[in-house]
């Protein structure tokens, strides 16, 4: 079977507000796919009411969980150009991208444990 090696961790999170348990759930993820319902900070009241997250909140979870990469997903239908607000997340967690339909990523195993 070969040498023992570190696994790959992918975490998916949507339809929730940020909470501390998500940090441990996503801890050391190679890829963290997380909702970013709203890009604009002024949408916080809507996010709280509808139990969703801002881009900045998802980025904070990625940073605290020490994830390697964050893909924002699950955008509000009113958010026509999520790319315009990417900086709101990237300022907190630089390795953030806007997830798109049919996006793909190859994640390779590390040789060392």
PDB file of N, CA and C in Angstrom:
ATOM      1  N   UNK A   1       0.809  -1.192   0.000  1.00  0.00           N
ATOM      2  CA  UNK A   1       0.000   0.000   0.000  1.00  0.00           C
ATOM      3  C   UNK A   1       0.850   1.253   0.000  1.00  0.00           C
ATOM      4  N   UNK A   2       2.131   1.143   0.191  1.00  0.00           N
ATOM      5  CA  UNK A   2       2.989   2.318   0.176  1.00  0.00           C
ATOM      6  C   UNK A   2       3.144   2.941   1.547  1.00  0.00           C
ATOM      7  N   UNK A   3       3.930   4.005   1.574  1.00  0.00           N
ATOM      8  CA  UNK A   3       4.175   4.708   2.828  1.00  0.00           C
ATOM      9  C   UNK A   3       2.920   5.434   3.293  1.00  0.00           C
ATOM     10  N   UNK A   4       2.844   5.612   4.598  1.00  0.00           N
ATOM     11  CA  UNK A   4       1.751   6.390   5.165  1.00  0.00           C
ATOM     12  C   UNK A   4       1.904   7.847   4.718  1.00  0.00           C
ATOM     13  N   UNK A   5       0.798   8.490   4.410  1.00  0.00           N
ATOM     14  CA  UNK A   5       0.856   9.882   3.987  1.00  0.00           C
ATOM     15  C   UNK A   5      -0.341  10.639   4.567  1.00  0.00           C
ATOM     16  N   UNK A   6      -0.187  11.934   4.609  1.00  0.00           N
ATOM     17  CA  UNK A   6      -1.245  12.814   5.094  1.00  0.00           C
ATOM     18  C   UNK A   6      -2.406  12.791   4.104  1.00  0.00           C
ATOM     19  N   UNK A   7      -3.618  12.771   4.611  1.00  0.00           N
ATOM     20  CA  UNK A   7      -4.791  12.782   3.757  1.00  0.00           C
ATOM     21  C   UNK A   7      -5.073  14.161   3.186  1.00  0.00           C
ATOM     22  N   UNK A   8      -6.116  14.243   2.414  1.00  0.00           N
ATOM     23  CA  UNK A   8      -6.590  15.500   1.842  1.00  0.00           C
ATOM     24  C   UNK A   8      -7.893  15.848   2.540  1.00  0.00           C
ATOM     25  N   UNK A   9      -8.028  17.104   2.926  1.00  0.00           N
ATOM     26  CA  UNK A   9      -9.238  17.523   3.623  1.00  0.00           C
ATOM     27  C   UNK A   9      -9.935  18.614   2.835  1.00  0.00           C
ATOM     28  N   UNK A  10     -11.204  18.357   2.512  1.00  0.00           N
ATOM     29  CA  UNK A  10     -12.056  19.334   1.841  1.00  0.00           C
ATOM     30  C   UNK A  10     -13.255  19.565   2.748  1.00  0.00           C
ATOM     31  N   UNK A  11     -13.537  20.828   3.025  1.00  0.00           N
ATOM     32  CA  UNK A  11     -14.658  21.186   3.903  1.00  0.00           C
ATOM     33  C   UNK A  11     -15.650  22.021   3.116  1.00  0.00           C
ATOM     34  N   UNK A  12     -16.925  21.672   3.265  1.00  0.00           N
ATOM     35  CA  UNK A  12     -18.013  22.385   2.590  1.00  0.00           C
ATOM     36  C   UNK A  12     -18.972  22.911   3.640  1.00  0.00           C
ATOM     37  N   UNK A  13     -19.286  24.187   3.565  1.00  0.00           N
ATOM     38  CA  UNK A  13     -20.144  24.801   4.568  1.00  0.00           C
ATOM     39  C   UNK A  13     -21.053  25.833   3.895  1.00  0.00           C
ATOM     40  N   UNK A  14     -22.361  25.695   4.136  1.00  0.00           N
ATOM     41  CA  UNK A  14     -23.301  26.647   3.573  1.00  0.00           C
ATOM     42  C   UNK A  14     -24.564  26.720   4.432  1.00  0.00           C
ATOM     43  N   UNK A  15     -25.346  27.746   4.215  1.00  0.00           N
ATOM     44  CA  UNK A  15     -26.612  27.952   4.925  1.00  0.00           C
ATOM     45  C   UNK A  15     -26.435  28.038   6.438  1.00  0.00           C
ATOM     46  N   UNK A  16     -25.489  28.840   6.863  1.00  0.00           N
ATOM     47  CA  UNK A  16     -25.254  29.021   8.294  1.00  0.00           C
ATOM     48  C   UNK A  16     -24.580  30.354   8.559  1.00  0.00           C
ATOM     49  N   UNK A  17     -24.680  30.789   9.776  1.00  0.00           N
ATOM     50  CA  UNK A  17     -23.905  31.932  10.262  1.00  0.00           C
ATOM     51  C   UNK A  17     -22.569  31.391  10.754  1.00  0.00           C
ATOM     52  N   UNK A  18     -21.554  32.246  10.839  1.00  0.00           N
ATOM     53  CA  UNK A  18     -20.280  31.779  11.369  1.00  0.00           C
ATOM     54  C   UNK A  18     -20.418  31.402  12.839  1.00  0.00           C
ATOM     55  N   UNK A  19     -19.788  30.327  13.215  1.00  0.00           N
ATOM     56  CA  UNK A  19     -19.746  29.958  14.623  1.00  0.00           C
ATOM     57  C   UNK A  19     -18.442  29.220  14.886  1.00  0.00           C
ATOM     58  N   UNK A  20     -18.048  29.223  16.123  1.00  0.00           N
ATOM     59  CA  UNK A  20     -16.737  28.711  16.504  1.00  0.00           C
ATOM     60  C   UNK A  20     -16.530  27.251  16.112  1.00  0.00           C
ATOM     61  N   UNK A  21     -17.566  26.445  16.168  1.00  0.00           N
ATOM     62  CA  UNK A  21     -17.390  25.030  15.822  1.00  0.00           C
ATOM     63  C   UNK A  21     -16.952  24.841  14.370  1.00  0.00           C
ATOM     64  N   UNK A  22     -17.258  25.794  13.515  1.00  0.00           N
ATOM     65  CA  UNK A  22     -16.832  25.695  12.124  1.00  0.00           C
ATOM     66  C   UNK A  22     -15.322  25.813  11.989  1.00  0.00           C
ATOM     67  N   UNK A  23     -14.691  26.524  12.900  1.00  0.00           N
ATOM     68  CA  UNK A  23     -13.237  26.667  12.855  1.00  0.00           C
ATOM     69  C   UNK A  23     -12.582  25.308  13.058  1.00  0.00           C
ATOM     70  N   UNK A  24     -13.012  24.565  14.060  1.00  0.00           N
ATOM     71  CA  UNK A  24     -12.419  23.241  14.288  1.00  0.00           C
ATOM     72  C   UNK A  24     -12.843  22.263  13.188  1.00  0.00           C
ATOM     73  N   UNK A  25     -14.065  22.393  12.686  1.00  0.00           N
ATOM     74  CA  UNK A  25     -14.540  21.528  11.612  1.00  0.00           C
ATOM     75  C   UNK A  25     -13.677  21.687  10.357  1.00  0.00           C
ATOM     76  N   UNK A  26     -13.307  22.911  10.033  1.00  0.00           N
ATOM     77  CA  UNK A  26     -12.527  23.195   8.826  1.00  0.00           C
ATOM     78  C   UNK A  26     -11.023  23.205   9.069  1.00  0.00           C
ATOM     79  N   UNK A  27     -10.593  22.945  10.296  1.00  0.00           N
ATOM     80  CA  UNK A  27      -9.172  23.053  10.672  1.00  0.00           C
ATOM     81  C   UNK A  27      -8.264  22.356   9.657  1.00  0.00           C
ATOM     82  N   UNK A  28      -7.303  23.098   9.139  1.00  0.00           N
ATOM     83  CA  UNK A  28      -6.271  22.608   8.215  1.00  0.00           C
ATOM     84  C   UNK A  28      -6.842  22.023   6.919  1.00  0.00           C
ATOM     85  N   UNK A  29      -7.927  22.580   6.430  1.00  0.00           N
ATOM     86  CA  UNK A  29      -8.495  22.110   5.160  1.00  0.00           C
ATOM     87  C   UNK A  29      -7.573  22.481   4.005  1.00  0.00           C
ATOM     88  N   UNK A  30      -7.449  21.565   3.087  1.00  0.00           N
ATOM     89  CA  UNK A  30      -6.729  21.879   1.851  1.00  0.00           C
ATOM     90  C   UNK A  30      -7.583  22.798   0.977  1.00  0.00           C
ATOM     91  N   UNK A  31      -8.897  22.580   1.037  1.00  0.00           N
ATOM     92  CA  UNK A  31      -9.837  23.430   0.311  1.00  0.00           C
ATOM     93  C   UNK A  31     -11.077  23.621   1.179  1.00  0.00           C
ATOM     94  N   UNK A  32     -11.410  24.866   1.426  1.00  0.00           N
ATOM     95  CA  UNK A  32     -12.586  25.218   2.229  1.00  0.00           C
ATOM     96  C   UNK A  32     -13.574  25.894   1.292  1.00  0.00           C
ATOM     97  N   UNK A  33     -14.670  25.218   0.996  1.00  0.00           N
ATOM     98  CA  UNK A  33     -15.746  25.781   0.180  1.00  0.00           C
ATOM     99  C   UNK A  33     -16.779  26.316   1.152  1.00  0.00           C
ATOM    100  N   UNK A  34     -16.983  27.615   1.131  1.00  0.00           N
ATOM    101  CA  UNK A  34     -17.853  28.233   2.122  1.00  0.00           C
ATOM    102  C   UNK A  34     -18.761  29.258   1.456  1.00  0.00           C
ATOM    103  N   UNK A  35     -19.955  29.315   1.952  1.00  0.00           N
ATOM    104  CA  UNK A  35     -20.884  30.293   1.415  1.00  0.00           C
ATOM    105  C   UNK A  35     -20.376  31.713   1.634  1.00  0.00           C
ATOM    106  N   UNK A  36     -20.684  32.549   0.700  1.00  0.00           N
ATOM    107  CA  UNK A  36     -20.452  33.975   0.812  1.00  0.00           C
ATOM    108  C   UNK A  36     -21.692  34.646   0.231  1.00  0.00           C
ATOM    109  N   UNK A  37     -22.752  34.574   0.946  1.00  0.00           N
ATOM    110  CA  UNK A  37     -24.035  35.057   0.425  1.00  0.00           C
ATOM    111  C   UNK A  37     -23.970  36.534   0.033  1.00  0.00           C
ATOM    112  N   UNK A  38     -23.250  37.312   0.843  1.00  0.00           N
ATOM    113  CA  UNK A  38     -23.194  38.757   0.605  1.00  0.00           C
ATOM    114  C   UNK A  38     -21.746  39.245   0.598  1.00  0.00           C
ATOM    115  N   UNK A  39     -21.407  40.055  -0.372  1.00  0.00           N
ATOM    116  CA  UNK A  39     -20.069  40.620  -0.447  1.00  0.00           C
ATOM    117  C   UNK A  39     -19.926  41.924   0.306  1.00  0.00           C
ATOM    118  N   UNK A  40     -21.039  42.648   0.427  1.00  0.00           N
ATOM    119  CA  UNK A  40     -20.998  43.985   0.993  1.00  0.00           C
ATOM    120  C   UNK A  40     -21.145  43.951   2.521  1.00  0.00           C
ATOM    121  N   UNK A  41     -20.275  44.660   3.238  1.00  0.00           N
ATOM    122  CA  UNK A  41     -20.362  44.696   4.709  1.00  0.00           C
ATOM    123  C   UNK A  41     -21.703  45.229   5.213  1.00  0.00           C
ATOM    124  N   UNK A  42     -22.308  46.144   4.484  1.00  0.00           N
ATOM    125  CA  UNK A  42     -23.586  46.728   4.930  1.00  0.00           C
ATOM    126  C   UNK A  42     -24.749  45.730   4.850  1.00  0.00           C
ATOM    127  N   UNK A  43     -24.500  44.545   4.287  1.00  0.00           N
ATOM    128  CA  UNK A  43     -25.529  43.504   4.222  1.00  0.00           C
ATOM    129  C   UNK A  43     -25.544  42.625   5.479  1.00  0.00           C
ATOM    130  N   UNK A  44     -24.754  42.985   6.476  1.00  0.00           N
ATOM    131  CA  UNK A  44     -24.697  42.178   7.698  1.00  0.00           C
ATOM    132  C   UNK A  44     -26.071  41.953   8.325  1.00  0.00           C
ATOM    133  N   UNK A  45     -26.934  42.971   8.455  1.00  0.00           N
ATOM    134  CA  UNK A  45     -28.264  42.698   9.028  1.00  0.00           C
ATOM    135  C   UNK A  45     -29.046  41.631   8.242  1.00  0.00           C
ATOM    136  N   UNK A  46     -28.952  41.670   6.912  1.00  0.00           N
ATOM    137  CA  UNK A  46     -29.613  40.648   6.091  1.00  0.00           C
ATOM    138  C   UNK A  46     -29.006  39.274   6.341  1.00  0.00           C
ATOM    139  N   UNK A  47     -27.682  39.234   6.430  1.00  0.00           N
ATOM    140  CA  UNK A  47     -26.990  37.958   6.673  1.00  0.00           C
ATOM    141  C   UNK A  47     -27.418  37.356   8.009  1.00  0.00           C
ATOM    142  N   UNK A  48     -27.511  38.181   9.016  1.00  0.00           N
ATOM    143  CA  UNK A  48     -27.930  37.696  10.332  1.00  0.00           C
ATOM    144  C   UNK A  48     -29.372  37.208  10.283  1.00  0.00           C
ATOM    145  N   UNK A  49     -30.229  38.007   9.689  1.00  0.00           N
ATOM    146  CA  UNK A  49     -31.653  37.651   9.624  1.00  0.00           C
ATOM    147  C   UNK A  49     -31.883  36.350   8.857  1.00  0.00           C
ATOM    148  N   UNK A  50     -31.162  36.182   7.740  1.00  0.00           N
ATOM    149  CA  UNK A  50     -31.395  35.028   6.869  1.00  0.00           C
ATOM    150  C   UNK A  50     -30.433  33.877   7.136  1.00  0.00           C
ATOM    151  N   UNK A  51     -29.590  34.057   8.176  1.00  0.00           N
ATOM    152  CA  UNK A  51     -28.643  33.020   8.597  1.00  0.00           C
ATOM    153  C   UNK A  51     -27.668  32.616   7.489  1.00  0.00           C
ATOM    154  N   UNK A  52     -27.000  33.640   6.973  1.00  0.00           N
ATOM    155  CA  UNK A  52     -25.971  33.448   5.959  1.00  0.00           C
ATOM    156  C   UNK A  52     -24.730  34.245   6.355  1.00  0.00           C
ATOM    157  N   UNK A  53     -23.714  34.231   5.497  1.00  0.00           N
ATOM    158  CA  UNK A  53     -22.445  34.892   5.802  1.00  0.00           C
ATOM    159  C   UNK A  53     -22.067  35.950   4.779  1.00  0.00           C
ATOM    160  N   UNK A  54     -21.293  36.903   5.271  1.00  0.00           N
ATOM    161  CA  UNK A  54     -20.608  37.865   4.420  1.00  0.00           C
ATOM    162  C   UNK A  54     -19.320  37.220   3.906  1.00  0.00           C
ATOM    163  N   UNK A  55     -18.771  37.745   2.830  1.00  0.00           N
ATOM    164  CA  UNK A  55     -17.466  37.288   2.349  1.00  0.00           C
ATOM    165  C   UNK A  55     -16.422  37.384   3.464  1.00  0.00           C
ATOM    166  N   UNK A  56     -16.445  38.488   4.174  1.00  0.00           N
ATOM    167  CA  UNK A  56     -15.444  38.716   5.226  1.00  0.00           C
ATOM    168  C   UNK A  56     -15.570  37.689   6.351  1.00  0.00           C
ATOM    169  N   UNK A  57     -16.778  37.260   6.650  1.00  0.00           N
ATOM    170  CA  UNK A  57     -16.971  36.265   7.711  1.00  0.00           C
ATOM    171  C   UNK A  57     -16.438  34.899   7.276  1.00  0.00           C
ATOM    172  N   UNK A  58     -16.681  34.527   6.031  1.00  0.00           N
ATOM    173  CA  UNK A  58     -16.150  33.273   5.511  1.00  0.00           C
ATOM    174  C   UNK A  58     -14.621  33.312   5.501  1.00  0.00           C
ATOM    175  N   UNK A  59     -14.053  34.445   5.123  1.00  0.00           N
ATOM    176  CA  UNK A  59     -12.596  34.590   5.098  1.00  0.00           C
ATOM    177  C   UNK A  59     -12.004  34.485   6.501  1.00  0.00           C
ATOM    178  N   UNK A  60     -12.692  35.032   7.472  1.00  0.00           N
ATOM    179  CA  UNK A  60     -12.223  34.935   8.857  1.00  0.00           C
ATOM    180  C   UNK A  60     -12.220  33.478   9.312  1.00  0.00           C
ATOM    181  N   UNK A  61     -13.247  32.723   8.953  1.00  0.00           N
ATOM    182  CA  UNK A  61     -13.274  31.297   9.286  1.00  0.00           C
ATOM    183  C   UNK A  61     -12.105  30.562   8.622  1.00  0.00           C
ATOM    184  N   UNK A  62     -11.830  30.884   7.365  1.00  0.00           N
ATOM    185  CA  UNK A  62     -10.710  30.250   6.662  1.00  0.00           C
ATOM    186  C   UNK A  62      -9.385  30.574   7.343  1.00  0.00           C
ATOM    187  N   UNK A  63      -9.228  31.815   7.739  1.00  0.00           N
ATOM    188  CA  UNK A  63      -7.988  32.226   8.416  1.00  0.00           C
ATOM    189  C   UNK A  63      -7.847  31.527   9.769  1.00  0.00           C
ATOM    190  N   UNK A  64      -8.890  31.560  10.572  1.00  0.00           N
ATOM    191  CA  UNK A  64      -8.827  30.947  11.901  1.00  0.00           C
ATOM    192  C   UNK A  64      -8.636  29.434  11.835  1.00  0.00           C
ATOM    193  N   UNK A  65      -9.180  28.806  10.809  1.00  0.00           N
ATOM    194  CA  UNK A  65      -9.048  27.356  10.666  1.00  0.00           C
ATOM    195  C   UNK A  65      -7.745  26.950   9.998  1.00  0.00           C
ATOM    196  N   UNK A  66      -6.969  27.923   9.580  1.00  0.00           N
ATOM    197  CA  UNK A  66      -5.688  27.684   8.917  1.00  0.00           C
ATOM    198  C   UNK A  66      -5.864  26.825   7.665  1.00  0.00           C
ATOM    199  N   UNK A  67      -6.939  27.108   6.943  1.00  0.00           N
ATOM    200  CA  UNK A  67      -7.175  26.431   5.671  1.00  0.00           C
ATOM    201  C   UNK A  67      -6.155  26.928   4.650  1.00  0.00           C
ATOM    202  N   UNK A  68      -5.939  26.138   3.618  1.00  0.00           N
ATOM    203  CA  UNK A  68      -4.985  26.536   2.587  1.00  0.00           C
ATOM    204  C   UNK A  68      -5.622  27.429   1.529  1.00  0.00           C
ATOM    205  N   UNK A  69      -6.888  27.152   1.188  1.00  0.00           N
ATOM    206  CA  UNK A  69      -7.552  27.910   0.129  1.00  0.00           C
ATOM    207  C   UNK A  69      -9.048  27.999   0.433  1.00  0.00           C
ATOM    208  N   UNK A  70      -9.637  29.133   0.114  1.00  0.00           N
ATOM    209  CA  UNK A  70     -11.065  29.373   0.311  1.00  0.00           C
ATOM    210  C   UNK A  70     -11.725  29.635  -1.031  1.00  0.00           C
ATOM    211  N   UNK A  71     -12.796  28.895  -1.296  1.00  0.00           N
ATOM    212  CA  UNK A  71     -13.651  29.177  -2.446  1.00  0.00           C
ATOM    213  C   UNK A  71     -14.978  29.670  -1.899  1.00  0.00           C
ATOM    214  N   UNK A  72     -15.350  30.866  -2.276  1.00  0.00           N
ATOM    215  CA  UNK A  72     -16.646  31.414  -1.884  1.00  0.00           C
ATOM    216  C   UNK A  72     -17.709  30.915  -2.850  1.00  0.00           C
ATOM    217  N   UNK A  73     -18.866  30.519  -2.293  1.00  0.00           N
ATOM    218  CA  UNK A  73     -19.957  29.986  -3.101  1.00  0.00           C
ATOM    219  C   UNK A  73     -21.290  30.458  -2.541  1.00  0.00           C
ATOM    220  N   UNK A  74     -22.380  29.997  -3.134  1.00  0.00           N
ATOM    221  CA  UNK A  74     -23.732  30.192  -2.607  1.00  0.00           C
ATOM    222  C   UNK A  74     -24.070  31.683  -2.459  1.00  0.00           C
ATOM    223  N   UNK A  75     -23.972  32.400  -3.567  1.00  0.00           N
ATOM    224  CA  UNK A  75     -24.177  33.849  -3.565  1.00  0.00           C
ATOM    225  C   UNK A  75     -25.653  34.221  -3.609  1.00  0.00           C
ATOM    226  N   UNK A  76     -25.968  35.355  -3.033  1.00  0.00           N
ATOM    227  CA  UNK A  76     -27.322  35.900  -3.114  1.00  0.00           C
ATOM    228  C   UNK A  76     -27.669  36.165  -4.581  1.00  0.00           C
ATOM    229  N   UNK A  77     -28.907  35.915  -4.984  1.00  0.00           N
ATOM    230  CA  UNK A  77     -29.311  36.246  -6.353  1.00  0.00           C
ATOM    231  C   UNK A  77     -29.135  37.735  -6.675  1.00  0.00           C
ATOM    232  N   UNK A  78     -29.123  38.565  -5.641  1.00  0.00           N
ATOM    233  CA  UNK A  78     -28.935  40.000  -5.864  1.00  0.00           C
ATOM    234  C   UNK A  78     -27.465  40.366  -6.093  1.00  0.00           C
ATOM    235  N   UNK A  79     -26.558  39.426  -5.852  1.00  0.00           N
ATOM    236  CA  UNK A  79     -25.124  39.673  -6.013  1.00  0.00           C
ATOM    237  C   UNK A  79     -24.711  39.250  -7.418  1.00  0.00           C
ATOM    238  N   UNK A  80     -24.849  40.159  -8.365  1.00  0.00           N
ATOM    239  CA  UNK A  80     -24.635  39.835  -9.770  1.00  0.00           C
ATOM    240  C   UNK A  80     -23.169  39.711 -10.152  1.00  0.00           C
ATOM    241  N   UNK A  81     -22.296  40.440  -9.439  1.00  0.00           N
ATOM    242  CA  UNK A  81     -20.869  40.406  -9.748  1.00  0.00           C
ATOM    243  C   UNK A  81     -20.066  40.176  -8.467  1.00  0.00           C
ATOM    244  N   UNK A  82     -20.011  38.951  -7.981  1.00  0.00           N
ATOM    245  CA  UNK A  82     -19.299  38.694  -6.730  1.00  0.00           C
ATOM    246  C   UNK A  82     -17.818  39.087  -6.785  1.00  0.00           C
ATOM    247  N   UNK A  83     -17.232  39.066  -7.970  1.00  0.00           N
ATOM    248  CA  UNK A  83     -15.822  39.443  -8.121  1.00  0.00           C
ATOM    249  C   UNK A  83     -15.553  40.859  -7.613  1.00  0.00           C
ATOM    250  N   UNK A  84     -16.560  41.724  -7.688  1.00  0.00           N
ATOM    251  CA  UNK A  84     -16.382  43.117  -7.237  1.00  0.00           C
ATOM    252  C   UNK A  84     -16.073  43.197  -5.746  1.00  0.00           C
ATOM    253  N   UNK A  85     -16.462  42.184  -4.998  1.00  0.00           N
ATOM    254  CA  UNK A  85     -16.310  42.222  -3.547  1.00  0.00           C
ATOM    255  C   UNK A  85     -15.271  41.225  -3.041  1.00  0.00           C
ATOM    256  N   UNK A  86     -14.538  40.609  -3.953  1.00  0.00           N
ATOM    257  CA  UNK A  86     -13.519  39.634  -3.572  1.00  0.00           C
ATOM    258  C   UNK A  86     -12.508  40.222  -2.584  1.00  0.00           C
ATOM    259  N   UNK A  87     -12.160  41.473  -2.760  1.00  0.00           N
ATOM    260  CA  UNK A  87     -11.172  42.101  -1.877  1.00  0.00           C
ATOM    261  C   UNK A  87     -11.626  42.122  -0.416  1.00  0.00           C
ATOM    262  N   UNK A  88     -12.944  42.120  -0.177  1.00  0.00           N
ATOM    263  CA  UNK A  88     -13.444  42.100   1.199  1.00  0.00           C
ATOM    264  C   UNK A  88     -13.053  40.818   1.922  1.00  0.00           C
ATOM    265  N   UNK A  89     -12.871  39.752   1.176  1.00  0.00           N
ATOM    266  CA  UNK A  89     -12.400  38.495   1.757  1.00  0.00           C
ATOM    267  C   UNK A  89     -10.880  38.385   1.668  1.00  0.00           C
ATOM    268  N   UNK A  90     -10.323  38.757   0.517  1.00  0.00           N
ATOM    269  CA  UNK A  90      -8.887  38.586   0.285  1.00  0.00           C
ATOM    270  C   UNK A  90      -8.029  39.424   1.231  1.00  0.00           C
ATOM    271  N   UNK A  91      -8.568  40.526   1.726  1.00  0.00           N
ATOM    272  CA  UNK A  91      -7.824  41.320   2.720  1.00  0.00           C
ATOM    273  C   UNK A  91      -7.635  40.529   4.017  1.00  0.00           C
ATOM    274  N   UNK A  92      -8.543  39.634   4.308  1.00  0.00           N
ATOM    275  CA  UNK A  92      -8.484  38.819   5.526  1.00  0.00           C
ATOM    276  C   UNK A  92      -7.778  37.500   5.252  1.00  0.00           C
ATOM    277  N   UNK A  93      -8.125  36.876   4.143  1.00  0.00           N
ATOM    278  CA  UNK A  93      -7.557  35.582   3.760  1.00  0.00           C
ATOM    279  C   UNK A  93      -7.169  35.665   2.288  1.00  0.00           C
ATOM    280  N   UNK A  94      -5.895  35.958   2.000  1.00  0.00           N
ATOM    281  CA  UNK A  94      -5.476  36.239   0.623  1.00  0.00           C
ATOM    282  C   UNK A  94      -5.766  35.135  -0.397  1.00  0.00           C
ATOM    283  N   UNK A  95      -5.719  33.886   0.006  1.00  0.00           N
ATOM    284  CA  UNK A  95      -5.912  32.799  -0.949  1.00  0.00           C
ATOM    285  C   UNK A  95      -7.403  32.458  -1.096  1.00  0.00           C
ATOM    286  N   UNK A  96      -8.169  33.467  -1.485  1.00  0.00           N
ATOM    287  CA  UNK A  96      -9.615  33.344  -1.668  1.00  0.00           C
ATOM    288  C   UNK A  96      -9.950  33.518  -3.142  1.00  0.00           C
ATOM    289  N   UNK A  97     -10.838  32.669  -3.637  1.00  0.00           N
ATOM    290  CA  UNK A  97     -11.312  32.795  -5.018  1.00  0.00           C
ATOM    291  C   UNK A  97     -12.838  32.739  -5.031  1.00  0.00           C
ATOM    292  N   UNK A  98     -13.401  33.221  -6.100  1.00  0.00           N
ATOM    293  CA  UNK A  98     -14.846  33.136  -6.315  1.00  0.00           C
ATOM    294  C   UNK A  98     -15.126  31.812  -7.008  1.00  0.00           C
ATOM    295  N   UNK A  99     -15.883  30.948  -6.339  1.00  0.00           N
ATOM    296  CA  UNK A  99     -16.250  29.680  -6.946  1.00  0.00           C
ATOM    297  C   UNK A  99     -17.247  29.889  -8.069  1.00  0.00           C
ATOM    298  N   UNK A 100     -17.083  29.142  -9.122  1.00  0.00           N
ATOM    299  CA  UNK A 100     -17.973  29.249 -10.285  1.00  0.00           C
ATOM    300  C   UNK A 100     -18.426  27.857 -10.690  1.00  0.00           C
ATOM    301  N   UNK A 101     -19.557  27.784 -11.361  1.00  0.00           N
ATOM    302  CA  UNK A 101     -20.035  26.504 -11.871  1.00  0.00           C
ATOM    303  C   UNK A 101     -18.936  25.845 -12.705  1.00  0.00           C
ATOM    304  N   UNK A 102     -18.788  24.568 -12.490  1.00  0.00           N
ATOM    305  CA  UNK A 102     -17.830  23.722 -13.212  1.00  0.00           C
ATOM    306  C   UNK A 102     -16.371  24.025 -12.883  1.00  0.00           C
ATOM    307  N   UNK A 103     -16.102  24.783 -11.822  1.00  0.00           N
ATOM    308  CA  UNK A 103     -14.716  24.999 -11.402  1.00  0.00           C
ATOM    309  C   UNK A 103     -14.115  23.663 -10.988  1.00  0.00           C
ATOM    310  N   UNK A 104     -12.841  23.514 -11.251  1.00  0.00           N
ATOM    311  CA  UNK A 104     -12.140  22.280 -10.886  1.00  0.00           C
ATOM    312  C   UNK A 104     -10.808  22.624 -10.240  1.00  0.00           C
ATOM    313  N   UNK A 105     -10.348  21.717  -9.394  1.00  0.00           N
ATOM    314  CA  UNK A 105      -9.045  21.886  -8.761  1.00  0.00           C
ATOM    315  C   UNK A 105      -8.466  20.505  -8.532  1.00  0.00           C
ATOM    316  N   UNK A 106      -7.203  20.349  -8.794  1.00  0.00           N
ATOM    317  CA  UNK A 106      -6.501  19.111  -8.480  1.00  0.00           C
ATOM    318  C   UNK A 106      -5.740  19.330  -7.184  1.00  0.00           C
ATOM    319  N   UNK A 107      -5.992  18.461  -6.227  1.00  0.00           N
ATOM    320  CA  UNK A 107      -5.285  18.526  -4.945  1.00  0.00           C
ATOM    321  C   UNK A 107      -4.479  17.242  -4.832  1.00  0.00           C
ATOM    322  N   UNK A 108      -3.179  17.389  -4.719  1.00  0.00           N
ATOM    323  CA  UNK A 108      -2.292  16.216  -4.663  1.00  0.00           C
ATOM    324  C   UNK A 108      -1.940  15.870  -3.232  1.00  0.00           C
ATOM    325  N   UNK A 109      -1.719  14.592  -3.001  1.00  0.00           N
ATOM    326  CA  UNK A 109      -1.259  14.145  -1.686  1.00  0.00           C
ATOM    327  C   UNK A 109       0.164  14.644  -1.470  1.00  0.00           C
ATOM    328  N   UNK A 110       0.487  14.952  -0.221  1.00  0.00           N
ATOM    329  CA  UNK A 110       1.857  15.283   0.138  1.00  0.00           C
ATOM    330  C   UNK A 110       2.590  13.978   0.405  1.00  0.00           C
ATOM    331  N   UNK A 111       3.862  13.905   0.013  1.00  0.00           N
ATOM    332  CA  UNK A 111       4.634  12.682   0.218  1.00  0.00           C
ATOM    333  C   UNK A 111       4.946  12.425   1.680  1.00  0.00           C
ATOM    334  N   UNK A 112       5.093  13.499   2.435  1.00  0.00           N
ATOM    335  CA  UNK A 112       5.466  13.340   3.836  1.00  0.00           C
ATOM    336  C   UNK A 112       4.255  13.530   4.732  1.00  0.00           C
ATOM    337  N   UNK A 113       4.238  12.804   5.834  1.00  0.00           N
ATOM    338  CA  UNK A 113       3.151  12.871   6.794  1.00  0.00           C
ATOM    339  C   UNK A 113       3.329  14.064   7.674  1.00  0.00           C
TER     340      UNK A 113
END
